[in-house]
Amino acid sequence: MAKRYKIRVTVHSIMGTCNQAHKVGQEFIIGRWTPKGICMSAFGSLYPAIRVLQYGGSFPWEEDPDVTFIPCPDAKNQVVFRIERLTEEA
C-alpha cells in the first residue's frame, strides 16, 4: 500500500474579503478526513493538489517538492492556500 502523508493547508493570502471568513494564517490538517471549517468551494479547488502531495507526488514548477499554492475559485475575493506535505503519515 502506498504511503499517505498528512497535509497542512494554510491560508497564505487574501485579495478582497473572504465570504467564508477565512483569515491569513488559518490552518487545516488533512489526514483521512476533510477538515472542519474549510470552504467547500475552496476545498474543491484544492483537492486535486492535496491528493498529489498526499501520495508523494510533486509539482515541477514549485521550488519545494513538498509545497504548492492554489487559489480558491472566487476571482473577485481570491484566497490563496499553501498546501504542504508533512513527514507524518495519515
N, C-alpha and C. Protein backbone atom coordinates (compact mmCIF):
# COMPACT_ATOMS: atom_id res chain seq x y z
N MET A 1 0.83 -1.18 0.00
CA MET A 1 0.00 0.00 0.00
C MET A 1 0.88 1.25 0.00
N ALA A 2 0.49 2.24 -0.79
CA ALA A 2 1.25 3.49 -0.89
C ALA A 2 1.16 4.29 0.41
N LYS A 3 2.23 5.01 0.70
CA LYS A 3 2.21 5.91 1.85
C LYS A 3 1.22 7.03 1.58
N ARG A 4 0.54 7.44 2.63
CA ARG A 4 -0.35 8.59 2.54
C ARG A 4 0.09 9.57 3.62
N TYR A 5 0.51 10.74 3.20
CA TYR A 5 1.02 11.76 4.11
C TYR A 5 -0.08 12.70 4.58
N LYS A 6 0.10 13.22 5.78
CA LYS A 6 -0.78 14.29 6.25
C LYS A 6 -0.42 15.56 5.48
N ILE A 7 -1.39 16.43 5.33
CA ILE A 7 -1.24 17.67 4.59
C ILE A 7 -1.65 18.84 5.48
N ARG A 8 -0.87 19.90 5.42
CA ARG A 8 -1.25 21.15 6.10
C ARG A 8 -1.66 22.15 5.02
N VAL A 9 -2.86 22.69 5.15
CA VAL A 9 -3.36 23.74 4.26
C VAL A 9 -3.41 25.01 5.09
N THR A 10 -2.74 26.05 4.60
CA THR A 10 -2.68 27.33 5.30
C THR A 10 -3.20 28.43 4.39
N VAL A 11 -4.02 29.32 4.93
CA VAL A 11 -4.44 30.49 4.16
C VAL A 11 -3.22 31.39 4.04
N HIS A 12 -2.72 31.52 2.81
CA HIS A 12 -1.49 32.25 2.54
C HIS A 12 -1.74 33.75 2.33
N SER A 13 -2.78 34.06 1.56
CA SER A 13 -3.10 35.47 1.29
C SER A 13 -4.57 35.60 0.90
N ILE A 14 -5.09 36.80 1.07
CA ILE A 14 -6.47 37.10 0.69
C ILE A 14 -6.48 38.43 -0.04
N MET A 15 -7.04 38.44 -1.25
CA MET A 15 -7.21 39.68 -2.01
C MET A 15 -8.70 40.00 -2.01
N GLY A 16 -9.10 40.97 -1.22
CA GLY A 16 -10.52 41.26 -1.06
C GLY A 16 -10.98 40.77 0.30
N THR A 17 -12.23 40.31 0.34
CA THR A 17 -12.81 39.81 1.58
C THR A 17 -13.32 38.39 1.35
N CYS A 18 -12.83 37.45 2.12
CA CYS A 18 -13.29 36.07 2.01
C CYS A 18 -14.71 35.97 2.54
N ASN A 19 -15.62 35.51 1.71
CA ASN A 19 -17.02 35.37 2.12
C ASN A 19 -17.24 34.28 3.15
N GLN A 20 -16.26 33.40 3.34
CA GLN A 20 -16.36 32.33 4.33
C GLN A 20 -15.56 32.64 5.59
N ALA A 21 -15.09 33.87 5.70
CA ALA A 21 -14.38 34.36 6.89
C ALA A 21 -13.04 33.67 7.16
N HIS A 22 -12.40 33.13 6.11
CA HIS A 22 -11.05 32.61 6.30
C HIS A 22 -10.12 33.78 6.57
N LYS A 23 -9.07 33.55 7.35
CA LYS A 23 -8.10 34.57 7.72
C LYS A 23 -6.70 34.08 7.37
N VAL A 24 -5.83 35.02 6.99
CA VAL A 24 -4.43 34.67 6.72
C VAL A 24 -3.85 33.98 7.95
N GLY A 25 -3.16 32.87 7.71
CA GLY A 25 -2.55 32.10 8.78
C GLY A 25 -3.40 30.95 9.29
N GLN A 26 -4.68 30.95 8.97
CA GLN A 26 -5.57 29.86 9.40
C GLN A 26 -5.07 28.54 8.79
N GLU A 27 -5.06 27.49 9.59
CA GLU A 27 -4.53 26.19 9.15
C GLU A 27 -5.56 25.08 9.28
N PHE A 28 -5.42 24.12 8.38
CA PHE A 28 -6.23 22.90 8.40
C PHE A 28 -5.29 21.73 8.19
N ILE A 29 -5.43 20.69 8.97
CA ILE A 29 -4.64 19.47 8.79
C ILE A 29 -5.55 18.43 8.15
N ILE A 30 -5.05 17.83 7.08
CA ILE A 30 -5.84 16.84 6.36
C ILE A 30 -5.13 15.50 6.43
N GLY A 31 -5.84 14.53 6.94
CA GLY A 31 -5.34 13.16 7.00
C GLY A 31 -6.24 12.29 6.16
N ARG A 32 -7.12 11.57 6.80
CA ARG A 32 -8.06 10.70 6.08
C ARG A 32 -9.45 11.32 5.93
N TRP A 33 -9.67 12.48 6.57
CA TRP A 33 -10.99 13.11 6.54
C TRP A 33 -10.87 14.57 6.13
N THR A 34 -11.93 15.11 5.58
CA THR A 34 -11.93 16.53 5.23
C THR A 34 -11.93 17.35 6.52
N PRO A 35 -11.25 18.48 6.50
CA PRO A 35 -11.17 19.28 7.71
C PRO A 35 -12.43 20.10 7.96
N LYS A 36 -12.79 20.23 9.21
CA LYS A 36 -13.94 21.03 9.60
C LYS A 36 -13.62 22.51 9.41
N GLY A 37 -14.56 23.24 8.83
CA GLY A 37 -14.44 24.69 8.74
C GLY A 37 -13.88 25.24 7.45
N ILE A 38 -13.43 24.39 6.55
CA ILE A 38 -12.88 24.91 5.29
C ILE A 38 -14.02 25.10 4.28
N CYS A 39 -13.93 26.16 3.52
CA CYS A 39 -14.93 26.47 2.50
C CYS A 39 -14.98 25.33 1.47
N MET A 40 -16.16 24.85 1.17
CA MET A 40 -16.31 23.73 0.23
C MET A 40 -15.88 24.11 -1.20
N SER A 41 -16.12 25.34 -1.61
CA SER A 41 -15.68 25.77 -2.95
C SER A 41 -14.16 25.76 -3.03
N ALA A 42 -13.52 26.27 -2.01
CA ALA A 42 -12.06 26.26 -1.98
C ALA A 42 -11.55 24.82 -1.91
N PHE A 43 -12.15 24.01 -1.06
CA PHE A 43 -11.68 22.62 -0.92
C PHE A 43 -11.78 21.88 -2.26
N GLY A 44 -12.84 22.15 -3.03
CA GLY A 44 -12.96 21.52 -4.34
C GLY A 44 -11.81 21.87 -5.26
N SER A 45 -11.31 23.10 -5.15
CA SER A 45 -10.16 23.52 -5.95
C SER A 45 -8.84 22.93 -5.43
N LEU A 46 -8.75 22.78 -4.14
CA LEU A 46 -7.52 22.29 -3.51
C LEU A 46 -7.35 20.78 -3.60
N TYR A 47 -8.45 20.07 -3.66
CA TYR A 47 -8.44 18.61 -3.55
C TYR A 47 -7.48 17.90 -4.51
N PRO A 48 -7.46 18.24 -5.81
CA PRO A 48 -6.51 17.53 -6.69
C PRO A 48 -5.05 17.70 -6.25
N ALA A 49 -4.67 18.90 -5.85
CA ALA A 49 -3.29 19.13 -5.41
C ALA A 49 -3.02 18.43 -4.08
N ILE A 50 -4.01 18.41 -3.20
CA ILE A 50 -3.86 17.69 -1.94
C ILE A 50 -3.55 16.23 -2.21
N ARG A 51 -4.28 15.62 -3.12
CA ARG A 51 -4.07 14.19 -3.42
C ARG A 51 -2.68 13.93 -4.01
N VAL A 52 -2.21 14.82 -4.85
CA VAL A 52 -0.86 14.66 -5.42
C VAL A 52 0.17 14.63 -4.30
N LEU A 53 0.13 15.63 -3.42
CA LEU A 53 1.11 15.70 -2.34
C LEU A 53 0.90 14.59 -1.32
N GLN A 54 -0.34 14.21 -1.08
CA GLN A 54 -0.66 13.19 -0.10
C GLN A 54 0.00 11.85 -0.44
N TYR A 55 0.13 11.57 -1.74
CA TYR A 55 0.68 10.28 -2.16
C TYR A 55 2.08 10.38 -2.72
N GLY A 56 2.81 11.45 -2.36
CA GLY A 56 4.23 11.52 -2.68
C GLY A 56 4.59 12.24 -3.96
N GLY A 57 3.60 12.74 -4.68
CA GLY A 57 3.89 13.48 -5.91
C GLY A 57 4.32 14.91 -5.63
N SER A 58 4.68 15.60 -6.71
CA SER A 58 5.09 17.00 -6.57
C SER A 58 4.75 17.75 -7.86
N PHE A 59 4.99 19.05 -7.84
CA PHE A 59 4.70 19.90 -8.99
C PHE A 59 6.02 20.48 -9.49
N PRO A 60 6.39 20.23 -10.75
CA PRO A 60 7.72 20.62 -11.24
C PRO A 60 7.96 22.12 -11.24
N TRP A 61 6.93 22.95 -11.21
CA TRP A 61 7.10 24.40 -11.23
C TRP A 61 7.34 24.99 -9.84
N GLU A 62 7.20 24.18 -8.80
CA GLU A 62 7.42 24.65 -7.43
C GLU A 62 8.87 24.39 -7.02
N GLU A 63 9.47 25.33 -6.28
CA GLU A 63 10.85 25.15 -5.81
C GLU A 63 10.95 24.04 -4.77
N ASP A 64 9.95 23.93 -3.90
CA ASP A 64 9.93 22.92 -2.85
C ASP A 64 8.98 21.80 -3.28
N PRO A 65 9.46 20.57 -3.40
CA PRO A 65 8.59 19.48 -3.85
C PRO A 65 7.48 19.11 -2.86
N ASP A 66 7.54 19.64 -1.64
CA ASP A 66 6.54 19.35 -0.63
C ASP A 66 5.47 20.43 -0.50
N VAL A 67 5.52 21.45 -1.36
CA VAL A 67 4.63 22.61 -1.23
C VAL A 67 4.09 23.03 -2.59
N THR A 68 2.82 23.49 -2.59
CA THR A 68 2.26 24.17 -3.76
C THR A 68 1.26 25.21 -3.27
N PHE A 69 0.93 26.13 -4.15
CA PHE A 69 -0.02 27.21 -3.84
C PHE A 69 -1.19 27.14 -4.81
N ILE A 70 -2.41 27.17 -4.27
CA ILE A 70 -3.62 27.05 -5.08
C ILE A 70 -4.61 28.12 -4.64
N PRO A 71 -5.20 28.85 -5.61
CA PRO A 71 -6.21 29.85 -5.25
C PRO A 71 -7.61 29.24 -5.21
N CYS A 72 -8.49 29.88 -4.45
CA CYS A 72 -9.89 29.49 -4.47
C CYS A 72 -10.51 30.00 -5.78
N PRO A 73 -11.70 29.57 -6.15
CA PRO A 73 -12.29 29.96 -7.43
C PRO A 73 -12.93 31.35 -7.46
N ASP A 74 -12.97 32.07 -6.34
CA ASP A 74 -13.59 33.40 -6.31
C ASP A 74 -12.58 34.43 -6.81
N ALA A 75 -12.69 34.83 -8.07
CA ALA A 75 -11.72 35.74 -8.68
C ALA A 75 -11.78 37.15 -8.10
N LYS A 76 -12.93 37.56 -7.56
CA LYS A 76 -13.07 38.91 -7.00
C LYS A 76 -12.57 39.01 -5.57
N ASN A 77 -12.59 37.93 -4.85
CA ASN A 77 -12.15 37.88 -3.45
C ASN A 77 -11.28 36.65 -3.26
N GLN A 78 -10.18 36.61 -3.95
CA GLN A 78 -9.39 35.39 -4.03
C GLN A 78 -8.58 35.11 -2.78
N VAL A 79 -8.71 33.88 -2.32
CA VAL A 79 -7.92 33.37 -1.21
C VAL A 79 -6.91 32.39 -1.80
N VAL A 80 -5.64 32.57 -1.46
CA VAL A 80 -4.60 31.66 -1.93
C VAL A 80 -4.20 30.78 -0.75
N PHE A 81 -4.17 29.48 -1.00
CA PHE A 81 -3.83 28.49 0.03
C PHE A 81 -2.46 27.89 -0.25
N ARG A 82 -1.70 27.70 0.81
CA ARG A 82 -0.42 26.98 0.75
C ARG A 82 -0.71 25.55 1.17
N ILE A 83 -0.35 24.61 0.34
CA ILE A 83 -0.57 23.19 0.63
C ILE A 83 0.79 22.55 0.84
N GLU A 84 0.96 21.92 1.99
CA GLU A 84 2.27 21.39 2.37
C GLU A 84 2.16 19.94 2.82
N ARG A 85 3.03 19.09 2.26
CA ARG A 85 3.10 17.69 2.70
C ARG A 85 3.92 17.63 3.98
N LEU A 86 3.38 16.97 4.99
CA LEU A 86 4.08 16.77 6.24
C LEU A 86 4.80 15.43 6.22
N THR A 87 5.77 15.25 7.06
CA THR A 87 6.52 13.98 7.08
C THR A 87 5.72 12.86 7.74
N GLU A 88 4.71 13.24 8.51
CA GLU A 88 3.88 12.28 9.24
C GLU A 88 2.89 11.61 8.29
N GLU A 89 2.71 10.31 8.43
CA GLU A 89 1.74 9.58 7.62
C GLU A 89 0.34 9.74 8.19
N ALA A 90 -0.64 9.74 7.31
CA ALA A 90 -2.05 9.86 7.72
C ALA A 90 -2.59 8.51 8.13
